[in-house]
């Protein structure tokens, strides 16, 4: 199905206009209330079948999508690479085409290869939602981060947001950079040179080499996990040294000229990129990000299914 408001797929924020990002954030607002009800279910997507193809480990994103789908009354099927025909050598496309032959409507895909979601979207008729592809994009994480910032500051335009840590391996960083810039925010990155992209200047961001400079500048820090599983070694001297130089600690935050919002897409390496008294402290909105993730994904599903954003309030039933 081609949504009149989003098109066929949601593959990344780089290709979305500011108006479409605004539409997604605004459509998520009425869906927040459904998760607060005693019975967290509305009939909006009754009869739709959605397949979650998660070929990389995931807890938050997979469960968040599944909650969003079930709360809209869609039928859901979860497929992981382990235990599926992929482990026998079947390709991603063959897996999706076989599922599509069973008359599905949407595919949510996470894959280790950058571009996998687009590759799939070009080859099947079902709507495709990118739930994270390699080091490329994680659009729904970028949207829920922006929704959380907007909840707190009541605006995105003019905000100063610094993305800290392992930017090189982060698909979250790219979706945040492209999304926030389109919405008028100033974006910076901070981390060791070995964990910043080679083309960092082309991203149009400020670059800080010291976390103290980022703390002094920012309204919000989005702190990234050190993705040790994607490293072949040699990126940092040691975890202890990384925490000493780039870790966000209470002592460093206390020297900030203003209160700073603390965000993290999870899962966290406590004591490495973020200390526990910061992650659990008064300025942390990390759990709010998780809560907003369900509403954002409900909005994406609703719009891709052809839902009218003007009727999102009424669609709650």
C-alpha atoms as a PDB file:
ATOM      1  CA  UNK A   1       0.000   0.000   0.000  1.00  0.00           C
ATOM      2  CA  UNK A   2       1.179   3.512  -0.777  1.00  0.00           C
ATOM      3  CA  UNK A   3       0.324   5.839   2.079  1.00  0.00           C
ATOM      4  CA  UNK A   4      -0.920   9.237   0.860  1.00  0.00           C
ATOM      5  CA  UNK A   5       1.116  10.835   3.632  1.00  0.00           C
ATOM      6  CA  UNK A   6       4.317   8.726   3.880  1.00  0.00           C
ATOM      7  CA  UNK A   7       4.549   6.719   0.670  1.00  0.00           C
ATOM      8  CA  UNK A   8       5.193   2.971   0.664  1.00  0.00           C
ATOM      9  CA  UNK A   9       7.990   2.585   3.234  1.00  0.00           C
ATOM     10  CA  UNK A  10       9.822   4.209   6.140  1.00  0.00           C
ATOM     11  CA  UNK A  11      13.501   3.626   5.409  1.00  0.00           C
ATOM     12  CA  UNK A  12      15.242   6.606   7.000  1.00  0.00           C
ATOM     13  CA  UNK A  13      14.994  10.206   8.112  1.00  0.00           C
ATOM     14  CA  UNK A  14      17.545  11.464   5.567  1.00  0.00           C
ATOM     15  CA  UNK A  15      14.932  11.191   2.839  1.00  0.00           C
ATOM     16  CA  UNK A  16      11.975  12.575   4.810  1.00  0.00           C
ATOM     17  CA  UNK A  17      10.987  16.215   4.637  1.00  0.00           C
ATOM     18  CA  UNK A  18      10.592  18.303   7.781  1.00  0.00           C
ATOM     19  CA  UNK A  19       6.845  18.311   7.120  1.00  0.00           C
ATOM     20  CA  UNK A  20       6.699  14.501   7.170  1.00  0.00           C
ATOM     21  CA  UNK A  21       8.758  14.320  10.360  1.00  0.00           C
ATOM     22  CA  UNK A  22       6.426  16.870  11.941  1.00  0.00           C
ATOM     23  CA  UNK A  23       3.450  14.801  10.779  1.00  0.00           C
ATOM     24  CA  UNK A  24       4.852  11.636  12.370  1.00  0.00           C
ATOM     25  CA  UNK A  25       5.556  13.385  15.670  1.00  0.00           C
ATOM     26  CA  UNK A  26       2.119  15.016  15.758  1.00  0.00           C
ATOM     27  CA  UNK A  27       0.386  11.738  14.887  1.00  0.00           C
ATOM     28  CA  UNK A  28       2.215   9.993  17.756  1.00  0.00           C
ATOM     29  CA  UNK A  29       0.756  12.411  20.310  1.00  0.00           C
ATOM     30  CA  UNK A  30      -2.801  10.979  20.478  1.00  0.00           C
ATOM     31  CA  UNK A  31      -1.465   7.409  20.510  1.00  0.00           C
ATOM     32  CA  UNK A  32       0.402   8.006  23.794  1.00  0.00           C
ATOM     33  CA  UNK A  33      -2.854   7.810  25.717  1.00  0.00           C
ATOM     34  CA  UNK A  34      -3.628   4.237  24.591  1.00  0.00           C
ATOM     35  CA  UNK A  35      -0.674   2.871  26.578  1.00  0.00           C
ATOM     36  CA  UNK A  36      -2.070   4.463  29.744  1.00  0.00           C
ATOM     37  CA  UNK A  37      -5.409   2.665  29.536  1.00  0.00           C
ATOM     38  CA  UNK A  38      -6.385  -0.435  31.506  1.00  0.00           C
ATOM     39  CA  UNK A  39      -7.149  -2.156  28.191  1.00  0.00           C
ATOM     40  CA  UNK A  40      -4.350  -1.100  25.860  1.00  0.00           C
ATOM     41  CA  UNK A  41      -5.891  -2.007  22.545  1.00  0.00           C
ATOM     42  CA  UNK A  42      -7.841  -0.288  19.758  1.00  0.00           C
ATOM     43  CA  UNK A  43      -9.185  -1.860  16.543  1.00  0.00           C
ATOM     44  CA  UNK A  44      -7.368   0.485  14.135  1.00  0.00           C
ATOM     45  CA  UNK A  45      -5.280  -2.175  12.299  1.00  0.00           C
ATOM     46  CA  UNK A  46      -7.596  -5.142  12.822  1.00  0.00           C
ATOM     47  CA  UNK A  47      -7.103  -7.594   9.966  1.00  0.00           C
ATOM     48  CA  UNK A  48      -3.590  -6.403   9.073  1.00  0.00           C
ATOM     49  CA  UNK A  49      -0.692  -8.867   9.265  1.00  0.00           C
ATOM     50  CA  UNK A  50       2.769  -7.596  10.158  1.00  0.00           C
ATOM     51  CA  UNK A  51       5.991  -9.638  10.120  1.00  0.00           C
ATOM     52  CA  UNK A  52       8.895  -8.611  12.344  1.00  0.00           C
ATOM     53  CA  UNK A  53      12.119  -9.793  10.686  1.00  0.00           C
ATOM     54  CA  UNK A  54      14.848  -9.277  13.267  1.00  0.00           C
ATOM     55  CA  UNK A  55      18.150 -10.628  12.004  1.00  0.00           C
ATOM     56  CA  UNK A  56      20.147  -8.876  14.743  1.00  0.00           C
ATOM     57  CA  UNK A  57      19.681  -9.112  18.514  1.00  0.00           C
ATOM     58  CA  UNK A  58      17.158  -6.605  19.844  1.00  0.00           C
ATOM     59  CA  UNK A  59      15.091  -6.234  22.979  1.00  0.00           C
ATOM     60  CA  UNK A  60      13.662  -2.708  23.129  1.00  0.00           C
ATOM     61  CA  UNK A  61      12.991  -2.145  19.428  1.00  0.00           C
ATOM     62  CA  UNK A  62      11.485  -5.564  18.720  1.00  0.00           C
ATOM     63  CA  UNK A  63       9.229  -5.523  21.776  1.00  0.00           C
ATOM     64  CA  UNK A  64       8.275  -1.878  21.177  1.00  0.00           C
ATOM     65  CA  UNK A  65       7.184  -2.674  17.608  1.00  0.00           C
ATOM     66  CA  UNK A  66       5.293  -5.723  18.814  1.00  0.00           C
ATOM     67  CA  UNK A  67       3.489  -3.710  21.490  1.00  0.00           C
ATOM     68  CA  UNK A  68       2.628  -1.034  18.924  1.00  0.00           C
ATOM     69  CA  UNK A  69       1.265  -3.637  16.497  1.00  0.00           C
ATOM     70  CA  UNK A  70      -0.782  -5.476  19.129  1.00  0.00           C
ATOM     71  CA  UNK A  71      -2.181  -2.255  20.600  1.00  0.00           C
ATOM     72  CA  UNK A  72      -3.498  -1.428  17.134  1.00  0.00           C
ATOM     73  CA  UNK A  73      -4.957  -4.986  16.894  1.00  0.00           C
ATOM     74  CA  UNK A  74      -2.731  -6.169  14.034  1.00  0.00           C
ATOM     75  CA  UNK A  75      -1.786  -9.845  13.727  1.00  0.00           C
ATOM     76  CA  UNK A  76       1.978 -10.211  14.237  1.00  0.00           C
ATOM     77  CA  UNK A  77       4.582 -12.828  13.389  1.00  0.00           C
ATOM     78  CA  UNK A  78       8.151 -12.715  14.702  1.00  0.00           C
ATOM     79  CA  UNK A  79      10.999 -14.189  12.664  1.00  0.00           C
ATOM     80  CA  UNK A  80      14.627 -14.313  13.815  1.00  0.00           C
ATOM     81  CA  UNK A  81      17.564 -15.582  11.787  1.00  0.00           C
ATOM     82  CA  UNK A  82      18.325 -18.330  14.303  1.00  0.00           C
ATOM     83  CA  UNK A  83      15.858 -21.143  13.828  1.00  0.00           C
ATOM     84  CA  UNK A  84      14.560 -19.789  10.497  1.00  0.00           C
ATOM     85  CA  UNK A  85      15.415 -20.812   6.934  1.00  0.00           C
ATOM     86  CA  UNK A  86      17.999 -17.995   6.924  1.00  0.00           C
ATOM     87  CA  UNK A  87      20.186 -20.241   9.080  1.00  0.00           C
ATOM     88  CA  UNK A  88      19.969 -22.795   6.228  1.00  0.00           C
ATOM     89  CA  UNK A  89      21.213 -20.281   3.665  1.00  0.00           C
ATOM     90  CA  UNK A  90      17.973 -18.696   2.464  1.00  0.00           C
ATOM     91  CA  UNK A  91      18.359 -15.059   1.418  1.00  0.00           C
ATOM     92  CA  UNK A  92      16.565 -12.131   3.018  1.00  0.00           C
ATOM     93  CA  UNK A  93      14.532 -11.559  -0.152  1.00  0.00           C
ATOM     94  CA  UNK A  94      13.491 -15.194  -0.481  1.00  0.00           C
ATOM     95  CA  UNK A  95      12.397 -15.222   3.146  1.00  0.00           C
ATOM     96  CA  UNK A  96      10.336 -12.050   2.675  1.00  0.00           C
ATOM     97  CA  UNK A  97       8.837 -13.205  -0.633  1.00  0.00           C
ATOM     98  CA  UNK A  98       7.744 -16.498   0.919  1.00  0.00           C
ATOM     99  CA  UNK A  99       6.144 -14.623   3.792  1.00  0.00           C
ATOM    100  CA  UNK A 100       4.500 -12.250   1.321  1.00  0.00           C
ATOM    101  CA  UNK A 101       3.017 -15.228  -0.524  1.00  0.00           C
ATOM    102  CA  UNK A 102       1.105 -15.855   2.707  1.00  0.00           C
ATOM    103  CA  UNK A 103      -0.523 -12.426   2.181  1.00  0.00           C
ATOM    104  CA  UNK A 104       1.108 -10.146   4.716  1.00  0.00           C
ATOM    105  CA  UNK A 105       0.784  -6.343   4.768  1.00  0.00           C
ATOM    106  CA  UNK A 106       3.949  -4.967   6.369  1.00  0.00           C
ATOM    107  CA  UNK A 107       7.500  -6.036   7.203  1.00  0.00           C
ATOM    108  CA  UNK A 108       9.553  -4.557  10.024  1.00  0.00           C
ATOM    109  CA  UNK A 109      13.185  -5.429   9.368  1.00  0.00           C
ATOM    110  CA  UNK A 110      16.410  -5.174  11.345  1.00  0.00           C
ATOM    111  CA  UNK A 111      19.558  -6.324   9.616  1.00  0.00           C
ATOM    112  CA  UNK A 112      23.324  -6.052  10.095  1.00  0.00           C
ATOM    113  CA  UNK A 113      23.857  -4.809   6.530  1.00  0.00           C
ATOM    114  CA  UNK A 114      23.467  -1.090   5.794  1.00  0.00           C
ATOM    115  CA  UNK A 115      20.875  -0.692   3.046  1.00  0.00           C
ATOM    116  CA  UNK A 116      19.131  -4.006   3.747  1.00  0.00           C
ATOM    117  CA  UNK A 117      15.765  -2.325   4.376  1.00  0.00           C
ATOM    118  CA  UNK A 118      15.898  -0.421   1.067  1.00  0.00           C
ATOM    119  CA  UNK A 119      17.051  -3.541  -0.777  1.00  0.00           C
ATOM    120  CA  UNK A 120      14.028  -5.402   0.573  1.00  0.00           C
ATOM    121  CA  UNK A 121      11.587  -2.544  -0.036  1.00  0.00           C
ATOM    122  CA  UNK A 122      12.538  -2.466  -3.715  1.00  0.00           C
ATOM    123  CA  UNK A 123      11.724  -6.154  -4.108  1.00  0.00           C
ATOM    124  CA  UNK A 124       8.470  -6.753  -2.236  1.00  0.00           C
ATOM    125  CA  UNK A 125       5.074  -5.089  -2.398  1.00  0.00           C
ATOM    126  CA  UNK A 126       4.444  -4.969   1.347  1.00  0.00           C
ATOM    127  CA  UNK A 127       5.277  -1.825   3.312  1.00  0.00           C
ATOM    128  CA  UNK A 128       8.784  -1.998   4.783  1.00  0.00           C
ATOM    129  CA  UNK A 129       9.833  -0.274   8.011  1.00  0.00           C
ATOM    130  CA  UNK A 130      13.526   0.002   8.798  1.00  0.00           C
ATOM    131  CA  UNK A 131      14.116  -1.056  12.409  1.00  0.00           C
ATOM    132  CA  UNK A 132      17.873  -0.513  12.081  1.00  0.00           C
ATOM    133  CA  UNK A 133      20.176  -1.386   9.176  1.00  0.00           C
ATOM    134  CA  UNK A 134      23.871  -1.795   9.901  1.00  0.00           C
ATOM    135  CA  UNK A 135      25.486   1.546  10.678  1.00  0.00           C
ATOM    136  CA  UNK A 136      23.097   3.439   8.398  1.00  0.00           C
ATOM    137  CA  UNK A 137      19.796   4.516  10.028  1.00  0.00           C
ATOM    138  CA  UNK A 138      17.352   3.724  12.814  1.00  0.00           C
ATOM    139  CA  UNK A 139      14.505   6.096  11.893  1.00  0.00           C
ATOM    140  CA  UNK A 140      11.973   5.207  14.583  1.00  0.00           C
ATOM    141  CA  UNK A 141      14.656   5.698  17.268  1.00  0.00           C
ATOM    142  CA  UNK A 142      15.401   9.128  15.798  1.00  0.00           C
ATOM    143  CA  UNK A 143      11.695   9.979  15.857  1.00  0.00           C
ATOM    144  CA  UNK A 144      11.178   8.875  19.444  1.00  0.00           C
ATOM    145  CA  UNK A 145      14.251  10.851  20.497  1.00  0.00           C
ATOM    146  CA  UNK A 146      12.794  13.961  18.852  1.00  0.00           C
ATOM    147  CA  UNK A 147       9.388  13.357  20.429  1.00  0.00           C
ATOM    148  CA  UNK A 148      11.055  13.107  23.865  1.00  0.00           C
ATOM    149  CA  UNK A 149      12.992  16.332  23.285  1.00  0.00           C
ATOM    150  CA  UNK A 150       9.825  18.094  22.132  1.00  0.00           C
ATOM    151  CA  UNK A 151       7.924  16.845  25.193  1.00  0.00           C
ATOM    152  CA  UNK A 152      10.535  18.409  27.474  1.00  0.00           C
ATOM    153  CA  UNK A 153      11.433  21.634  25.664  1.00  0.00           C
ATOM    154  CA  UNK A 154       8.125  22.175  23.774  1.00  0.00           C
ATOM    155  CA  UNK A 155      10.154  22.835  20.622  1.00  0.00           C
ATOM    156  CA  UNK A 156      12.950  21.425  18.484  1.00  0.00           C
ATOM    157  CA  UNK A 157      13.968  24.533  16.581  1.00  0.00           C
ATOM    158  CA  UNK A 158      17.018  26.180  18.093  1.00  0.00           C
ATOM    159  CA  UNK A 159      17.768  23.342  20.525  1.00  0.00           C
ATOM    160  CA  UNK A 160      21.402  22.356  20.986  1.00  0.00           C
ATOM    161  CA  UNK A 161      21.748  18.577  21.008  1.00  0.00           C
ATOM    162  CA  UNK A 162      25.107  16.816  21.295  1.00  0.00           C
ATOM    163  CA  UNK A 163      25.441  13.156  20.326  1.00  0.00           C
ATOM    164  CA  UNK A 164      28.253  11.683  22.397  1.00  0.00           C
ATOM    165  CA  UNK A 165      30.390   8.593  22.004  1.00  0.00           C
ATOM    166  CA  UNK A 166      30.594   5.907  19.340  1.00  0.00           C
ATOM    167  CA  UNK A 167      29.196   7.892  16.401  1.00  0.00           C
ATOM    168  CA  UNK A 168      31.158   5.810  13.880  1.00  0.00           C
ATOM    169  CA  UNK A 169      29.123   2.642  14.445  1.00  0.00           C
ATOM    170  CA  UNK A 170      25.807   4.307  15.332  1.00  0.00           C
ATOM    171  CA  UNK A 171      22.743   4.225  13.099  1.00  0.00           C
ATOM    172  CA  UNK A 172      20.945   6.161  15.842  1.00  0.00           C
ATOM    173  CA  UNK A 173      23.411   9.036  15.419  1.00  0.00           C
ATOM    174  CA  UNK A 174      22.743   9.394  11.705  1.00  0.00           C
ATOM    175  CA  UNK A 175      18.953   9.382  12.077  1.00  0.00           C
ATOM    176  CA  UNK A 176      19.227  11.946  14.878  1.00  0.00           C
ATOM    177  CA  UNK A 177      21.591  14.202  12.939  1.00  0.00           C
ATOM    178  CA  UNK A 178      19.460  14.254   9.786  1.00  0.00           C
ATOM    179  CA  UNK A 179      16.153  14.474  11.650  1.00  0.00           C
ATOM    180  CA  UNK A 180      17.121  17.158  14.150  1.00  0.00           C
ATOM    181  CA  UNK A 181      18.783  19.359  11.541  1.00  0.00           C
ATOM    182  CA  UNK A 182      15.659  19.265   9.390  1.00  0.00           C
ATOM    183  CA  UNK A 183      13.610  20.344  12.390  1.00  0.00           C
ATOM    184  CA  UNK A 184      15.864  23.343  13.006  1.00  0.00           C
ATOM    185  CA  UNK A 185      17.984  22.077  15.898  1.00  0.00           C
ATOM    186  CA  UNK A 186      21.735  22.613  16.187  1.00  0.00           C
ATOM    187  CA  UNK A 187      23.572  19.298  16.381  1.00  0.00           C
ATOM    188  CA  UNK A 188      27.041  18.453  17.659  1.00  0.00           C
ATOM    189  CA  UNK A 189      28.971  15.254  18.089  1.00  0.00           C
ATOM    190  CA  UNK A 190      31.639  14.429  20.647  1.00  0.00           C
ATOM    191  CA  UNK A 191      33.893  11.410  20.931  1.00  0.00           C
ATOM    192  CA  UNK A 192      37.390  10.091  20.320  1.00  0.00           C
ATOM    193  CA  UNK A 193      38.631  10.713  16.763  1.00  0.00           C
ATOM    194  CA  UNK A 194      38.786   6.970  16.181  1.00  0.00           C
ATOM    195  CA  UNK A 195      35.008   6.724  16.757  1.00  0.00           C
ATOM    196  CA  UNK A 196      33.926   9.617  14.526  1.00  0.00           C
ATOM    197  CA  UNK A 197      33.133   9.128  10.808  1.00  0.00           C
ATOM    198  CA  UNK A 198      35.792  10.173   8.282  1.00  0.00           C
ATOM    199  CA  UNK A 199      33.283  12.427   6.542  1.00  0.00           C
ATOM    200  CA  UNK A 200      32.213  14.106   9.777  1.00  0.00           C
ATOM    201  CA  UNK A 201      32.624  17.622   8.330  1.00  0.00           C
ATOM    202  CA  UNK A 202      30.064  16.855   5.611  1.00  0.00           C
ATOM    203  CA  UNK A 203      27.377  16.165   8.220  1.00  0.00           C
ATOM    204  CA  UNK A 204      27.127  19.857   9.096  1.00  0.00           C
ATOM    205  CA  UNK A 205      27.609  19.318  12.825  1.00  0.00           C
ATOM    206  CA  UNK A 206      29.772  20.944  15.453  1.00  0.00           C
ATOM    207  CA  UNK A 207      32.555  18.646  16.627  1.00  0.00           C
ATOM    208  CA  UNK A 208      33.809  18.604  20.214  1.00  0.00           C
ATOM    209  CA  UNK A 209      36.904  16.681  21.211  1.00  0.00           C
ATOM    210  CA  UNK A 210      36.260  16.971  24.947  1.00  0.00           C
ATOM    211  CA  UNK A 211      33.077  15.974  26.758  1.00  0.00           C
ATOM    212  CA  UNK A 212      33.418  19.052  28.998  1.00  0.00           C
ATOM    213  CA  UNK A 213      33.009  21.280  25.909  1.00  0.00           C
ATOM    214  CA  UNK A 214      29.879  19.362  24.879  1.00  0.00           C
ATOM    215  CA  UNK A 215      28.377  19.710  28.354  1.00  0.00           C
ATOM    216  CA  UNK A 216      29.043  23.437  28.359  1.00  0.00           C
ATOM    217  CA  UNK A 217      27.355  23.884  24.939  1.00  0.00           C
ATOM    218  CA  UNK A 218      24.366  21.545  24.926  1.00  0.00           C
ATOM    219  CA  UNK A 219      20.752  21.616  26.064  1.00  0.00           C
ATOM    220  CA  UNK A 220      20.630  17.831  25.738  1.00  0.00           C
ATOM    221  CA  UNK A 221      23.160  15.019  25.514  1.00  0.00           C
ATOM    222  CA  UNK A 222      22.235  11.873  23.597  1.00  0.00           C
ATOM    223  CA  UNK A 223      24.823   9.408  24.879  1.00  0.00           C
ATOM    224  CA  UNK A 224      25.617   6.448  22.658  1.00  0.00           C
ATOM    225  CA  UNK A 225      26.559   2.932  23.638  1.00  0.00           C
ATOM    226  CA  UNK A 226      30.115   1.882  22.932  1.00  0.00           C
ATOM    227  CA  UNK A 227      29.428  -0.848  20.340  1.00  0.00           C
ATOM    228  CA  UNK A 228      32.188  -3.249  21.260  1.00  0.00           C
ATOM    229  CA  UNK A 229      30.658  -6.031  19.143  1.00  0.00           C
ATOM    230  CA  UNK A 230      31.265  -3.971  15.968  1.00  0.00           C
ATOM    231  CA  UNK A 231      34.889  -3.202  16.805  1.00  0.00           C
ATOM    232  CA  UNK A 232      37.872  -5.261  15.749  1.00  0.00           C
ATOM    233  CA  UNK A 233      40.013  -3.668  18.464  1.00  0.00           C
ATOM    234  CA  UNK A 234      42.250  -0.633  18.700  1.00  0.00           C
ATOM    235  CA  UNK A 235      39.549   2.052  18.739  1.00  0.00           C
ATOM    236  CA  UNK A 236      40.086   3.007  22.386  1.00  0.00           C
ATOM    237  CA  UNK A 237      42.942   2.379  24.845  1.00  0.00           C
ATOM    238  CA  UNK A 238      40.640   0.800  27.478  1.00  0.00           C
ATOM    239  CA  UNK A 239      37.116   1.056  28.876  1.00  0.00           C
ATOM    240  CA  UNK A 240      38.462   2.724  32.002  1.00  0.00           C
ATOM    241  CA  UNK A 241      40.272   5.365  29.949  1.00  0.00           C
ATOM    242  CA  UNK A 242      37.173   5.922  27.791  1.00  0.00           C
ATOM    243  CA  UNK A 243      35.067   6.481  30.904  1.00  0.00           C
ATOM    244  CA  UNK A 244      37.642   8.874  32.339  1.00  0.00           C
ATOM    245  CA  UNK A 245      37.800  11.034  29.200  1.00  0.00           C
ATOM    246  CA  UNK A 246      34.381  10.681  27.519  1.00  0.00           C
ATOM    247  CA  UNK A 247      32.127   9.104  30.148  1.00  0.00           C
ATOM    248  CA  UNK A 248      29.275  11.339  31.370  1.00  0.00           C
ATOM    249  CA  UNK A 249      29.525  11.509  35.145  1.00  0.00           C
ATOM    250  CA  UNK A 250      27.679  13.469  37.812  1.00  0.00           C
ATOM    251  CA  UNK A 251      30.857  15.388  38.615  1.00  0.00           C
ATOM    252  CA  UNK A 252      31.174  16.591  35.004  1.00  0.00           C
ATOM    253  CA  UNK A 253      27.470  17.537  34.788  1.00  0.00           C
ATOM    254  CA  UNK A 254      27.686  19.583  37.966  1.00  0.00           C
ATOM    255  CA  UNK A 255      30.025  21.972  36.151  1.00  0.00           C
ATOM    256  CA  UNK A 256      27.445  22.614  33.393  1.00  0.00           C
ATOM    257  CA  UNK A 257      26.128  26.192  33.078  1.00  0.00           C
ATOM    258  CA  UNK A 258      22.519  24.910  32.804  1.00  0.00           C
ATOM    259  CA  UNK A 259      20.456  21.780  33.416  1.00  0.00           C
ATOM    260  CA  UNK A 260      21.079  19.279  30.649  1.00  0.00           C
ATOM    261  CA  UNK A 261      18.626  16.643  29.470  1.00  0.00           C
ATOM    262  CA  UNK A 262      20.207  13.187  29.476  1.00  0.00           C
ATOM    263  CA  UNK A 263      19.214  10.678  26.793  1.00  0.00           C
ATOM    264  CA  UNK A 264      20.485   7.232  25.813  1.00  0.00           C
ATOM    265  CA  UNK A 265      19.009   4.889  23.172  1.00  0.00           C
ATOM    266  CA  UNK A 266      20.046   1.813  25.187  1.00  0.00           C
ATOM    267  CA  UNK A 267      21.225  -0.678  26.055  1.00  0.00           C
ATOM    268  CA  UNK A 268      23.601   1.156  28.388  1.00  0.00           C
ATOM    269  CA  UNK A 269      27.133   0.266  29.371  1.00  0.00           C
ATOM    270  CA  UNK A 270      26.938   1.669  32.888  1.00  0.00           C
ATOM    271  CA  UNK A 271      30.287   2.891  34.111  1.00  0.00           C
ATOM    272  CA  UNK A 272      31.585   3.216  30.534  1.00  0.00           C
ATOM    273  CA  UNK A 273      29.751   5.897  28.500  1.00  0.00           C
ATOM    274  CA  UNK A 274      27.387   6.857  31.348  1.00  0.00           C
ATOM    275  CA  UNK A 275      27.519   6.507  35.117  1.00  0.00           C
ATOM    276  CA  UNK A 276      24.555   5.120  37.030  1.00  0.00           C
ATOM    277  CA  UNK A 277      23.887   8.293  39.013  1.00  0.00           C
ATOM    278  CA  UNK A 278      23.489  10.134  35.668  1.00  0.00           C
ATOM    279  CA  UNK A 279      21.400   7.416  33.994  1.00  0.00           C
ATOM    280  CA  UNK A 280      19.073   7.283  36.998  1.00  0.00           C
ATOM    281  CA  UNK A 281      19.384  10.966  37.910  1.00  0.00           C
ATOM    282  CA  UNK A 282      16.813  13.783  37.826  1.00  0.00           C
ATOM    283  CA  UNK A 283      17.723  14.956  34.315  1.00  0.00           C
ATOM    284  CA  UNK A 284      17.474  11.541  32.682  1.00  0.00           C
ATOM    285  CA  UNK A 285      14.578  10.877  30.269  1.00  0.00           C
ATOM    286  CA  UNK A 286      15.874   7.491  29.187  1.00  0.00           C
ATOM    287  CA  UNK A 287      12.720   5.617  30.233  1.00  0.00           C
ATOM    288  CA  UNK A 288      10.545   8.332  28.658  1.00  0.00           C
ATOM    289  CA  UNK A 289      12.318   7.542  25.382  1.00  0.00           C
ATOM    290  CA  UNK A 290      11.265   3.902  25.738  1.00  0.00           C
ATOM    291  CA  UNK A 291       7.650   4.874  26.457  1.00  0.00           C
ATOM    292  CA  UNK A 292       7.544   7.247  23.495  1.00  0.00           C
ATOM    293  CA  UNK A 293       8.904   4.506  21.253  1.00  0.00           C
ATOM    294  CA  UNK A 294       5.592   2.650  21.328  1.00  0.00           C
ATOM    295  CA  UNK A 295       3.560   5.764  20.390  1.00  0.00           C
ATOM    296  CA  UNK A 296       5.959   6.670  17.565  1.00  0.00           C
ATOM    297  CA  UNK A 297       5.798   3.162  16.114  1.00  0.00           C
ATOM    298  CA  UNK A 298       2.002   3.157  16.358  1.00  0.00           C
ATOM    299  CA  UNK A 299       2.006   6.410  14.373  1.00  0.00           C
ATOM    300  CA  UNK A 300       4.307   4.942  11.701  1.00  0.00           C
ATOM    301  CA  UNK A 301       2.145   1.815  11.350  1.00  0.00           C
ATOM    302  CA  UNK A 302      -1.053   3.853  11.273  1.00  0.00           C
ATOM    303  CA  UNK A 303       0.156   6.233   8.567  1.00  0.00           C
ATOM    304  CA  UNK A 304       1.735   3.536   6.377  1.00  0.00           C
ATOM    305  CA  UNK A 305      -1.536   1.605   6.573  1.00  0.00           C
ATOM    306  CA  UNK A 306      -3.241   4.600   4.984  1.00  0.00           C
ATOM    307  CA  UNK A 307      -4.509   6.235   8.158  1.00  0.00           C
ATOM    308  CA  UNK A 308      -5.540   9.871   8.022  1.00  0.00           C
ATOM    309  CA  UNK A 309      -3.474  11.929  10.515  1.00  0.00           C
ATOM    310  CA  UNK A 310      -6.448  14.245  11.038  1.00  0.00           C
ATOM    311  CA  UNK A 311      -8.413  11.236  12.294  1.00  0.00           C
ATOM    312  CA  UNK A 312      -5.708   9.790  14.590  1.00  0.00           C
ATOM    313  CA  UNK A 313      -7.581  10.994  17.668  1.00  0.00           C
ATOM    314  CA  UNK A 314     -10.758   9.298  16.504  1.00  0.00           C
ATOM    315  CA  UNK A 315      -8.795   6.164  15.509  1.00  0.00           C
ATOM    316  CA  UNK A 316      -8.068   5.507  19.174  1.00  0.00           C
ATOM    317  CA  UNK A 317     -11.613   4.212  19.433  1.00  0.00           C
END
